[in-house]
N, C-alpha and C. Protein backbone atom coordinates (compact mmCIF):
# COMPACT_ATOMS: atom_id res chain seq x y z
N UNK A 1 0.82 -1.19 0.00
CA UNK A 1 0.00 0.00 0.00
C UNK A 1 0.86 1.26 0.00
N UNK A 2 1.94 1.24 0.79
CA UNK A 2 2.83 2.39 0.87
C UNK A 2 3.40 2.73 -0.50
N UNK A 3 3.83 1.70 -1.24
CA UNK A 3 4.40 1.95 -2.57
C UNK A 3 3.37 2.54 -3.52
N UNK A 4 2.14 2.03 -3.45
CA UNK A 4 1.08 2.54 -4.34
C UNK A 4 0.78 4.00 -4.03
N UNK A 5 0.68 4.34 -2.75
CA UNK A 5 0.41 5.73 -2.39
C UNK A 5 1.56 6.64 -2.79
N UNK A 6 2.79 6.22 -2.51
CA UNK A 6 3.93 7.04 -2.91
C UNK A 6 4.01 7.20 -4.43
N UNK A 7 3.63 6.14 -5.16
CA UNK A 7 3.61 6.23 -6.62
C UNK A 7 2.54 7.23 -7.08
N UNK A 8 1.39 7.22 -6.42
CA UNK A 8 0.33 8.18 -6.75
C UNK A 8 0.79 9.61 -6.51
N UNK A 9 1.42 9.85 -5.35
CA UNK A 9 1.91 11.20 -5.05
C UNK A 9 3.00 11.60 -6.05
N UNK A 10 3.86 10.66 -6.38
CA UNK A 10 4.93 10.93 -7.35
C UNK A 10 4.38 11.22 -8.74
N UNK A 11 3.36 10.46 -9.15
CA UNK A 11 2.73 10.69 -10.45
C UNK A 11 2.15 12.09 -10.53
N UNK A 12 1.47 12.51 -9.48
CA UNK A 12 0.92 13.87 -9.46
C UNK A 12 2.03 14.91 -9.52
N UNK A 13 3.14 14.64 -8.83
CA UNK A 13 4.29 15.55 -8.88
C UNK A 13 4.86 15.64 -10.28
N UNK A 14 4.94 14.51 -10.96
CA UNK A 14 5.45 14.49 -12.34
C UNK A 14 4.50 15.25 -13.27
N UNK A 15 3.20 15.04 -13.10
CA UNK A 15 2.22 15.77 -13.93
C UNK A 15 2.30 17.27 -13.69
N UNK A 16 2.52 17.67 -12.44
CA UNK A 16 2.68 19.10 -12.14
C UNK A 16 3.94 19.64 -12.81
N UNK A 17 5.01 18.85 -12.78
CA UNK A 17 6.26 19.28 -13.43
C UNK A 17 6.06 19.38 -14.95
N UNK A 18 5.32 18.45 -15.53
CA UNK A 18 5.05 18.52 -16.97
C UNK A 18 4.19 19.74 -17.32
N UNK A 19 3.26 20.08 -16.44
CA UNK A 19 2.46 21.29 -16.67
C UNK A 19 3.35 22.53 -16.60
N UNK A 20 4.31 22.52 -15.69
CA UNK A 20 5.26 23.64 -15.60
C UNK A 20 6.10 23.72 -16.87
N UNK A 21 6.51 22.57 -17.38
CA UNK A 21 7.23 22.54 -18.66
C UNK A 21 6.33 23.06 -19.78
N UNK A 22 5.04 22.72 -19.72
CA UNK A 22 4.09 23.22 -20.71
C UNK A 22 4.00 24.73 -20.70
N UNK A 23 4.01 25.33 -19.51
CA UNK A 23 3.99 26.79 -19.40
C UNK A 23 5.22 27.37 -20.10
N UNK A 24 6.37 26.77 -19.82
CA UNK A 24 7.61 27.23 -20.45
C UNK A 24 7.51 27.13 -21.97
N UNK A 25 7.01 26.00 -22.47
CA UNK A 25 6.93 25.80 -23.91
C UNK A 25 5.95 26.78 -24.57
N UNK A 26 4.84 27.03 -23.92
CA UNK A 26 3.87 27.99 -24.47
C UNK A 26 4.50 29.38 -24.53
N UNK A 27 5.19 29.77 -23.46
CA UNK A 27 5.81 31.09 -23.43
C UNK A 27 6.92 31.21 -24.47
N UNK A 28 7.70 30.15 -24.64
CA UNK A 28 8.77 30.17 -25.66
C UNK A 28 8.16 30.24 -27.06
N UNK A 29 7.07 29.48 -27.27
CA UNK A 29 6.42 29.51 -28.58
C UNK A 29 5.88 30.91 -28.87
N UNK A 30 5.29 31.54 -27.87
CA UNK A 30 4.79 32.90 -28.04
C UNK A 30 5.93 33.85 -28.42
N UNK A 31 7.05 33.70 -27.73
CA UNK A 31 8.18 34.59 -27.98
C UNK A 31 8.74 34.39 -29.39
N UNK A 32 8.84 33.15 -29.81
CA UNK A 32 9.37 32.86 -31.15
C UNK A 32 8.39 33.32 -32.22
N UNK A 33 7.12 33.00 -32.04
CA UNK A 33 6.12 33.38 -33.04
C UNK A 33 5.98 34.90 -33.16
N UNK A 34 6.18 35.61 -32.06
CA UNK A 34 6.10 37.06 -32.07
C UNK A 34 7.16 37.66 -33.02
N UNK A 35 8.30 37.01 -33.17
CA UNK A 35 9.35 37.49 -34.06
C UNK A 35 8.92 37.45 -35.53
N UNK A 36 7.94 36.58 -35.81
CA UNK A 36 7.43 36.45 -37.17
C UNK A 36 6.04 37.06 -37.31
N UNK A 37 5.64 37.86 -36.30
CA UNK A 37 4.34 38.54 -36.29
C UNK A 37 3.17 37.55 -36.38
N UNK A 38 3.35 36.40 -35.72
CA UNK A 38 2.31 35.38 -35.70
C UNK A 38 1.74 35.30 -34.28
N UNK A 39 0.43 35.28 -34.19
CA UNK A 39 -0.24 35.15 -32.90
C UNK A 39 -0.31 33.69 -32.46
N UNK A 40 -0.31 33.47 -31.17
CA UNK A 40 -0.55 32.14 -30.59
C UNK A 40 -1.92 32.24 -29.91
N UNK A 41 -2.99 31.90 -30.64
CA UNK A 41 -4.32 32.08 -30.09
C UNK A 41 -4.53 31.23 -28.81
N UNK A 42 -5.08 31.83 -27.79
CA UNK A 42 -5.41 31.12 -26.56
C UNK A 42 -4.24 30.82 -25.65
N UNK A 43 -3.09 31.40 -25.95
CA UNK A 43 -1.90 31.10 -25.14
C UNK A 43 -2.06 31.57 -23.69
N UNK A 44 -2.67 32.71 -23.50
CA UNK A 44 -2.85 33.23 -22.15
C UNK A 44 -3.76 32.32 -21.33
N UNK A 45 -4.87 31.91 -21.93
CA UNK A 45 -5.77 30.99 -21.23
C UNK A 45 -5.08 29.66 -20.95
N UNK A 46 -4.40 29.13 -21.93
CA UNK A 46 -3.70 27.85 -21.76
C UNK A 46 -2.67 27.93 -20.64
N UNK A 47 -1.95 29.01 -20.57
CA UNK A 47 -0.96 29.20 -19.50
C UNK A 47 -1.65 29.24 -18.14
N UNK A 48 -2.78 29.91 -18.05
CA UNK A 48 -3.54 29.95 -16.81
C UNK A 48 -4.01 28.57 -16.38
N UNK A 49 -4.49 27.77 -17.33
CA UNK A 49 -4.95 26.42 -17.00
C UNK A 49 -3.79 25.54 -16.54
N UNK A 50 -2.65 25.72 -17.19
CA UNK A 50 -1.47 24.95 -16.78
C UNK A 50 -1.00 25.37 -15.39
N UNK A 51 -1.15 26.65 -15.05
CA UNK A 51 -0.80 27.11 -13.70
C UNK A 51 -1.68 26.43 -12.65
N UNK A 52 -2.96 26.28 -12.96
CA UNK A 52 -3.86 25.58 -12.04
C UNK A 52 -3.40 24.13 -11.87
N UNK A 53 -2.99 23.50 -12.95
CA UNK A 53 -2.51 22.12 -12.87
C UNK A 53 -1.25 22.03 -12.02
N UNK A 54 -0.33 22.96 -12.21
CA UNK A 54 0.90 22.96 -11.42
C UNK A 54 0.56 23.08 -9.93
N UNK A 55 -0.31 24.02 -9.63
CA UNK A 55 -0.65 24.27 -8.23
C UNK A 55 -1.35 23.11 -7.56
N UNK A 56 -2.37 22.56 -8.20
CA UNK A 56 -3.17 21.53 -7.54
C UNK A 56 -2.57 20.14 -7.65
N UNK A 57 -2.00 19.80 -8.79
CA UNK A 57 -1.43 18.45 -8.92
C UNK A 57 -0.16 18.28 -8.09
N UNK A 58 0.50 19.38 -7.78
CA UNK A 58 1.72 19.30 -6.98
C UNK A 58 1.49 19.27 -5.47
N UNK A 59 0.25 19.43 -5.03
CA UNK A 59 -0.03 19.55 -3.60
C UNK A 59 0.35 18.31 -2.79
N UNK A 60 -0.08 17.14 -3.20
CA UNK A 60 0.15 15.92 -2.41
C UNK A 60 1.64 15.60 -2.31
N UNK A 61 2.33 15.70 -3.43
CA UNK A 61 3.77 15.41 -3.43
C UNK A 61 4.50 16.40 -2.51
N UNK A 62 4.14 17.65 -2.63
CA UNK A 62 4.76 18.69 -1.81
C UNK A 62 4.47 18.46 -0.33
N UNK A 63 3.24 18.10 -0.01
CA UNK A 63 2.84 17.83 1.37
C UNK A 63 3.65 16.68 1.96
N UNK A 64 3.76 15.60 1.21
CA UNK A 64 4.49 14.42 1.70
C UNK A 64 5.98 14.70 1.90
N UNK A 65 6.52 15.59 1.11
CA UNK A 65 7.94 15.92 1.22
C UNK A 65 8.21 16.97 2.30
N UNK A 66 7.15 17.43 2.95
CA UNK A 66 7.31 18.43 4.00
C UNK A 66 7.67 19.80 3.47
N UNK A 67 7.30 20.07 2.23
CA UNK A 67 7.65 21.33 1.59
C UNK A 67 6.54 22.37 1.65
N UNK A 68 5.33 21.96 2.03
CA UNK A 68 4.25 22.95 2.15
C UNK A 68 4.51 23.82 3.37
N UNK A 69 4.11 25.04 3.27
CA UNK A 69 4.29 25.96 4.40
C UNK A 69 3.32 25.54 5.49
N UNK A 70 3.84 25.34 6.67
CA UNK A 70 2.98 25.05 7.80
C UNK A 70 3.58 25.74 9.01
N UNK A 71 2.72 26.11 9.92
CA UNK A 71 3.17 26.81 11.11
C UNK A 71 3.51 25.76 12.15
N UNK A 72 4.78 25.46 12.30
CA UNK A 72 5.21 24.43 13.22
C UNK A 72 5.71 24.96 14.54
N UNK A 73 5.72 26.27 14.70
CA UNK A 73 6.26 26.88 15.91
C UNK A 73 5.58 26.33 17.15
N UNK A 74 4.28 26.27 17.16
CA UNK A 74 3.54 25.75 18.31
C UNK A 74 3.71 24.23 18.42
N UNK A 75 3.45 23.53 17.34
CA UNK A 75 3.46 22.06 17.36
C UNK A 75 4.84 21.51 17.70
N UNK A 76 5.88 22.07 17.14
CA UNK A 76 7.22 21.54 17.34
C UNK A 76 7.75 21.76 18.75
N UNK A 77 7.18 22.67 19.48
CA UNK A 77 7.64 22.94 20.84
C UNK A 77 6.78 22.28 21.92
N UNK A 78 5.84 21.47 21.50
CA UNK A 78 5.00 20.75 22.46
C UNK A 78 5.67 19.43 22.85
N UNK A 79 5.41 18.94 24.06
CA UNK A 79 5.90 17.61 24.42
C UNK A 79 5.22 16.55 23.55
N UNK A 80 5.88 15.41 23.30
CA UNK A 80 5.35 14.41 22.36
C UNK A 80 3.88 14.04 22.50
N UNK A 81 3.33 13.79 23.70
CA UNK A 81 1.90 13.42 23.75
C UNK A 81 0.99 14.56 23.28
N UNK A 82 1.30 15.78 23.68
CA UNK A 82 0.49 16.92 23.25
C UNK A 82 0.70 17.22 21.77
N UNK A 83 1.91 16.99 21.31
CA UNK A 83 2.21 17.22 19.90
C UNK A 83 1.38 16.28 19.03
N UNK A 84 1.30 15.03 19.46
CA UNK A 84 0.51 14.03 18.71
C UNK A 84 -0.95 14.47 18.63
N UNK A 85 -1.50 14.92 19.73
CA UNK A 85 -2.90 15.38 19.75
C UNK A 85 -3.07 16.58 18.82
N UNK A 86 -2.13 17.50 18.85
CA UNK A 86 -2.21 18.69 18.00
C UNK A 86 -2.07 18.30 16.51
N UNK A 87 -1.19 17.35 16.20
CA UNK A 87 -1.03 16.89 14.82
C UNK A 87 -2.33 16.25 14.33
N UNK A 88 -2.95 15.42 15.17
CA UNK A 88 -4.21 14.78 14.80
C UNK A 88 -5.28 15.84 14.57
N UNK A 89 -5.35 16.82 15.45
CA UNK A 89 -6.32 17.91 15.32
C UNK A 89 -6.09 18.67 14.01
N UNK A 90 -4.86 19.06 13.75
CA UNK A 90 -4.54 19.83 12.54
C UNK A 90 -4.83 19.02 11.28
N UNK A 91 -4.47 17.74 11.27
CA UNK A 91 -4.72 16.90 10.10
C UNK A 91 -6.22 16.66 9.90
N UNK A 92 -6.96 16.58 10.98
CA UNK A 92 -8.41 16.41 10.88
C UNK A 92 -9.04 17.64 10.26
N UNK A 93 -8.65 18.81 10.73
CA UNK A 93 -9.18 20.07 10.17
C UNK A 93 -8.80 20.17 8.68
N UNK A 94 -7.53 19.85 8.37
CA UNK A 94 -7.08 19.91 6.98
C UNK A 94 -7.88 18.95 6.11
N UNK A 95 -8.13 17.74 6.61
CA UNK A 95 -8.88 16.75 5.84
C UNK A 95 -10.30 17.23 5.56
N UNK A 96 -10.94 17.80 6.54
CA UNK A 96 -12.31 18.30 6.36
C UNK A 96 -12.32 19.42 5.31
N UNK A 97 -11.39 20.35 5.43
CA UNK A 97 -11.34 21.47 4.49
C UNK A 97 -11.04 21.01 3.06
N UNK A 98 -10.09 20.11 2.92
CA UNK A 98 -9.72 19.63 1.58
C UNK A 98 -10.82 18.76 1.00
N UNK A 99 -11.51 17.99 1.84
CA UNK A 99 -12.65 17.20 1.35
C UNK A 99 -13.74 18.13 0.81
N UNK A 100 -13.98 19.23 1.50
CA UNK A 100 -14.97 20.22 1.06
C UNK A 100 -14.57 20.80 -0.30
N UNK A 101 -13.31 21.17 -0.43
CA UNK A 101 -12.81 21.71 -1.71
C UNK A 101 -12.94 20.68 -2.82
N UNK A 102 -12.57 19.44 -2.52
CA UNK A 102 -12.64 18.37 -3.52
C UNK A 102 -14.08 18.15 -3.98
N UNK A 103 -14.99 18.07 -3.03
CA UNK A 103 -16.41 17.83 -3.33
C UNK A 103 -16.97 18.92 -4.25
N UNK A 104 -16.80 20.17 -3.86
CA UNK A 104 -17.43 21.25 -4.62
C UNK A 104 -16.72 21.52 -5.94
N UNK A 105 -15.41 21.35 -5.98
CA UNK A 105 -14.71 21.56 -7.25
C UNK A 105 -15.06 20.45 -8.25
N UNK A 106 -15.29 19.23 -7.74
CA UNK A 106 -15.74 18.13 -8.62
C UNK A 106 -17.11 18.48 -9.22
N UNK A 107 -18.02 18.95 -8.40
CA UNK A 107 -19.35 19.31 -8.88
C UNK A 107 -19.28 20.49 -9.86
N UNK A 108 -18.38 21.42 -9.63
CA UNK A 108 -18.22 22.54 -10.56
C UNK A 108 -17.71 22.05 -11.91
N UNK A 109 -16.72 21.16 -11.89
CA UNK A 109 -16.18 20.63 -13.15
C UNK A 109 -17.25 19.84 -13.91
N UNK A 110 -18.02 19.04 -13.20
CA UNK A 110 -19.07 18.24 -13.85
C UNK A 110 -20.21 19.13 -14.36
N UNK A 111 -20.50 20.21 -13.66
CA UNK A 111 -21.50 21.16 -14.14
C UNK A 111 -21.01 21.83 -15.42
N UNK A 112 -19.73 22.17 -15.47
CA UNK A 112 -19.16 22.77 -16.68
C UNK A 112 -19.24 21.80 -17.85
N UNK A 113 -19.03 20.52 -17.58
CA UNK A 113 -19.16 19.51 -18.63
C UNK A 113 -20.61 19.40 -19.09
N UNK A 114 -21.53 19.41 -18.13
CA UNK A 114 -22.95 19.26 -18.43
C UNK A 114 -23.48 20.40 -19.29
N UNK A 115 -23.09 21.63 -18.97
CA UNK A 115 -23.60 22.77 -19.73
C UNK A 115 -22.70 23.16 -20.90
N UNK A 116 -21.63 22.36 -21.09
CA UNK A 116 -20.68 22.58 -22.18
C UNK A 116 -20.09 23.99 -22.12
N UNK A 117 -19.66 24.37 -20.93
CA UNK A 117 -19.07 25.70 -20.71
C UNK A 117 -17.71 25.79 -21.41
N UNK A 118 -17.49 26.91 -22.08
CA UNK A 118 -16.22 27.12 -22.78
C UNK A 118 -15.62 28.46 -22.35
N UNK A 119 -14.33 28.59 -22.55
CA UNK A 119 -13.62 29.82 -22.21
C UNK A 119 -14.09 30.96 -23.10
N UNK A 120 -14.01 32.15 -22.57
CA UNK A 120 -14.45 33.33 -23.31
C UNK A 120 -13.32 33.97 -24.12
N UNK A 121 -12.13 33.36 -24.09
CA UNK A 121 -10.98 33.91 -24.79
C UNK A 121 -11.04 33.67 -26.29
N UNK A 122 -9.90 33.83 -26.94
CA UNK A 122 -9.85 33.69 -28.41
C UNK A 122 -10.02 32.23 -28.85
N UNK A 123 -9.78 31.28 -27.94
CA UNK A 123 -10.02 29.87 -28.24
C UNK A 123 -11.04 29.37 -27.22
N UNK A 124 -12.07 28.72 -27.69
CA UNK A 124 -13.15 28.26 -26.82
C UNK A 124 -12.78 26.91 -26.19
N UNK A 125 -11.81 26.94 -25.26
CA UNK A 125 -11.43 25.72 -24.56
C UNK A 125 -12.60 25.23 -23.72
N UNK A 126 -12.90 23.93 -23.72
CA UNK A 126 -13.92 23.44 -22.79
C UNK A 126 -13.38 23.56 -21.37
N UNK A 127 -14.10 24.22 -20.50
CA UNK A 127 -13.59 24.55 -19.17
C UNK A 127 -13.59 23.38 -18.19
N UNK A 128 -14.34 22.32 -18.47
CA UNK A 128 -14.34 21.21 -17.54
C UNK A 128 -12.97 20.56 -17.44
N UNK A 129 -12.19 20.60 -18.51
CA UNK A 129 -10.87 19.94 -18.48
C UNK A 129 -9.90 20.62 -17.51
N UNK A 130 -9.68 21.93 -17.61
CA UNK A 130 -8.78 22.53 -16.62
C UNK A 130 -9.37 22.53 -15.21
N UNK A 131 -10.71 22.62 -15.12
CA UNK A 131 -11.34 22.59 -13.80
C UNK A 131 -11.17 21.24 -13.12
N UNK A 132 -11.00 20.19 -13.90
CA UNK A 132 -10.85 18.84 -13.34
C UNK A 132 -9.54 18.68 -12.58
N UNK A 133 -8.55 19.50 -12.89
CA UNK A 133 -7.27 19.43 -12.16
C UNK A 133 -7.45 19.77 -10.69
N UNK A 134 -8.43 20.59 -10.37
CA UNK A 134 -8.64 21.01 -8.97
C UNK A 134 -9.14 19.85 -8.11
N UNK A 135 -10.24 19.17 -8.47
CA UNK A 135 -10.65 18.06 -7.61
C UNK A 135 -9.69 16.87 -7.64
N UNK A 136 -9.01 16.66 -8.74
CA UNK A 136 -8.04 15.57 -8.78
C UNK A 136 -6.88 15.87 -7.83
N UNK A 137 -6.31 17.06 -7.96
CA UNK A 137 -5.20 17.44 -7.09
C UNK A 137 -5.61 17.50 -5.63
N UNK A 138 -6.77 18.10 -5.36
CA UNK A 138 -7.25 18.18 -3.99
C UNK A 138 -7.61 16.81 -3.45
N UNK A 139 -8.15 15.94 -4.29
CA UNK A 139 -8.48 14.58 -3.87
C UNK A 139 -7.25 13.78 -3.49
N UNK A 140 -6.20 13.91 -4.26
CA UNK A 140 -4.96 13.20 -3.93
C UNK A 140 -4.34 13.82 -2.68
N UNK A 141 -4.44 15.13 -2.51
CA UNK A 141 -3.98 15.75 -1.27
C UNK A 141 -4.78 15.21 -0.08
N UNK A 142 -6.08 15.04 -0.26
CA UNK A 142 -6.91 14.48 0.81
C UNK A 142 -6.42 13.08 1.18
N UNK A 143 -6.10 12.27 0.19
CA UNK A 143 -5.56 10.93 0.46
C UNK A 143 -4.26 11.04 1.24
N UNK A 144 -3.40 11.98 0.85
CA UNK A 144 -2.12 12.17 1.54
C UNK A 144 -2.33 12.62 2.98
N UNK A 145 -3.28 13.51 3.20
CA UNK A 145 -3.57 13.98 4.56
C UNK A 145 -4.10 12.82 5.41
N UNK A 146 -5.02 12.03 4.85
CA UNK A 146 -5.55 10.88 5.59
C UNK A 146 -4.47 9.83 5.83
N UNK A 147 -3.57 9.68 4.89
CA UNK A 147 -2.42 8.79 5.04
C UNK A 147 -1.59 9.22 6.25
N UNK A 148 -1.31 10.50 6.35
CA UNK A 148 -0.54 11.02 7.49
C UNK A 148 -1.34 10.93 8.78
N UNK A 149 -2.65 11.15 8.70
CA UNK A 149 -3.53 11.07 9.87
C UNK A 149 -3.46 9.67 10.48
N UNK A 150 -3.53 8.64 9.62
CA UNK A 150 -3.44 7.25 10.09
C UNK A 150 -2.06 7.00 10.70
N UNK A 151 -1.02 7.54 10.08
CA UNK A 151 0.34 7.38 10.60
C UNK A 151 0.44 7.96 12.02
N UNK A 152 -0.10 9.16 12.22
CA UNK A 152 -0.04 9.80 13.54
C UNK A 152 -0.91 9.06 14.54
N UNK A 153 -2.09 8.60 14.11
CA UNK A 153 -2.97 7.83 15.00
C UNK A 153 -2.25 6.57 15.50
N UNK A 154 -1.45 5.96 14.62
CA UNK A 154 -0.69 4.76 14.99
C UNK A 154 0.49 5.07 15.92
N UNK A 155 0.70 6.34 16.19
CA UNK A 155 1.78 6.72 17.09
C UNK A 155 3.12 6.94 16.41
N UNK A 156 3.12 6.97 15.08
CA UNK A 156 4.35 7.19 14.33
C UNK A 156 4.49 8.66 13.95
N UNK A 157 5.69 9.01 13.57
CA UNK A 157 5.96 10.39 13.14
C UNK A 157 5.48 10.57 11.70
N UNK A 158 4.78 11.68 11.41
CA UNK A 158 4.31 11.90 10.03
C UNK A 158 5.46 12.05 9.04
N UNK A 159 5.18 11.67 7.80
CA UNK A 159 6.20 11.73 6.76
C UNK A 159 6.76 13.11 6.53
N UNK A 160 5.92 14.13 6.61
CA UNK A 160 6.41 15.50 6.39
C UNK A 160 7.37 15.91 7.49
N UNK A 161 7.16 15.43 8.72
CA UNK A 161 8.08 15.74 9.82
C UNK A 161 9.40 14.98 9.63
N UNK A 162 9.30 13.72 9.20
CA UNK A 162 10.53 12.94 8.95
C UNK A 162 11.35 13.58 7.83
N UNK A 163 10.66 14.04 6.78
CA UNK A 163 11.36 14.67 5.65
C UNK A 163 12.05 15.96 6.09
N UNK A 164 11.37 16.76 6.92
CA UNK A 164 11.97 18.01 7.40
C UNK A 164 13.17 17.72 8.30
N UNK A 165 13.06 16.70 9.15
CA UNK A 165 14.19 16.32 10.02
C UNK A 165 15.37 15.82 9.20
N UNK A 166 15.10 15.06 8.16
CA UNK A 166 16.18 14.54 7.30
C UNK A 166 16.91 15.70 6.61
N UNK A 167 16.15 16.70 6.15
CA UNK A 167 16.79 17.87 5.53
C UNK A 167 17.64 18.61 6.55
N UNK A 168 17.12 18.79 7.76
CA UNK A 168 17.87 19.50 8.80
C UNK A 168 19.14 18.74 9.18
N UNK A 169 19.04 17.40 9.28
CA UNK A 169 20.20 16.58 9.61
C UNK A 169 21.28 16.67 8.53
N UNK A 170 20.85 16.84 7.30
CA UNK A 170 21.79 16.96 6.17
C UNK A 170 22.24 18.41 5.96
N UNK A 171 21.81 19.30 6.85
CA UNK A 171 22.12 20.73 6.75
C UNK A 171 21.64 21.32 5.42
N UNK A 172 20.49 20.82 4.96
CA UNK A 172 19.87 21.32 3.74
C UNK A 172 18.77 22.28 4.14
N UNK A 173 19.05 23.56 4.02
CA UNK A 173 18.09 24.59 4.42
C UNK A 173 17.50 25.29 3.20
N UNK A 174 17.55 24.63 2.05
CA UNK A 174 17.04 25.24 0.82
C UNK A 174 15.54 25.37 0.81
N UNK A 175 14.84 24.53 1.57
CA UNK A 175 13.38 24.59 1.59
C UNK A 175 12.94 25.85 2.31
């Protein structure tokens, strides 16, 4: 199960990286085409959709690696039993919030598909496709949060804390 979950988080990270590469390629194409006075129709919209993909598809991988911004000042200074309770509380609140986002963003994407909503830009992109990145990314983040919640419930240290400790032990302060 651990390998499957890590593979899922890694796949989302790779997809986010590919979307970032897509942004680069669209911008380079725009720059090159501009030299020949050629327009790249819908490039601005496409770049925006790819930004959404980068942001949401990268969430779970980033969370598991301990790279998301979190306020650890209070939690890290608590004694272990209280810290565990606080971690469970924080992960529970995060799970509820992300589940809410996943639920409503899924319904929004499906509504866009149902009414055949398209972008208002120069290219009529169907909007359900870029909107689908939000519930997929948030859904995988929800799985990652619940994964960590179970880890903490079992009395183990969460993966994001282990990753942060490993970076600190290696004197890697780039994060």
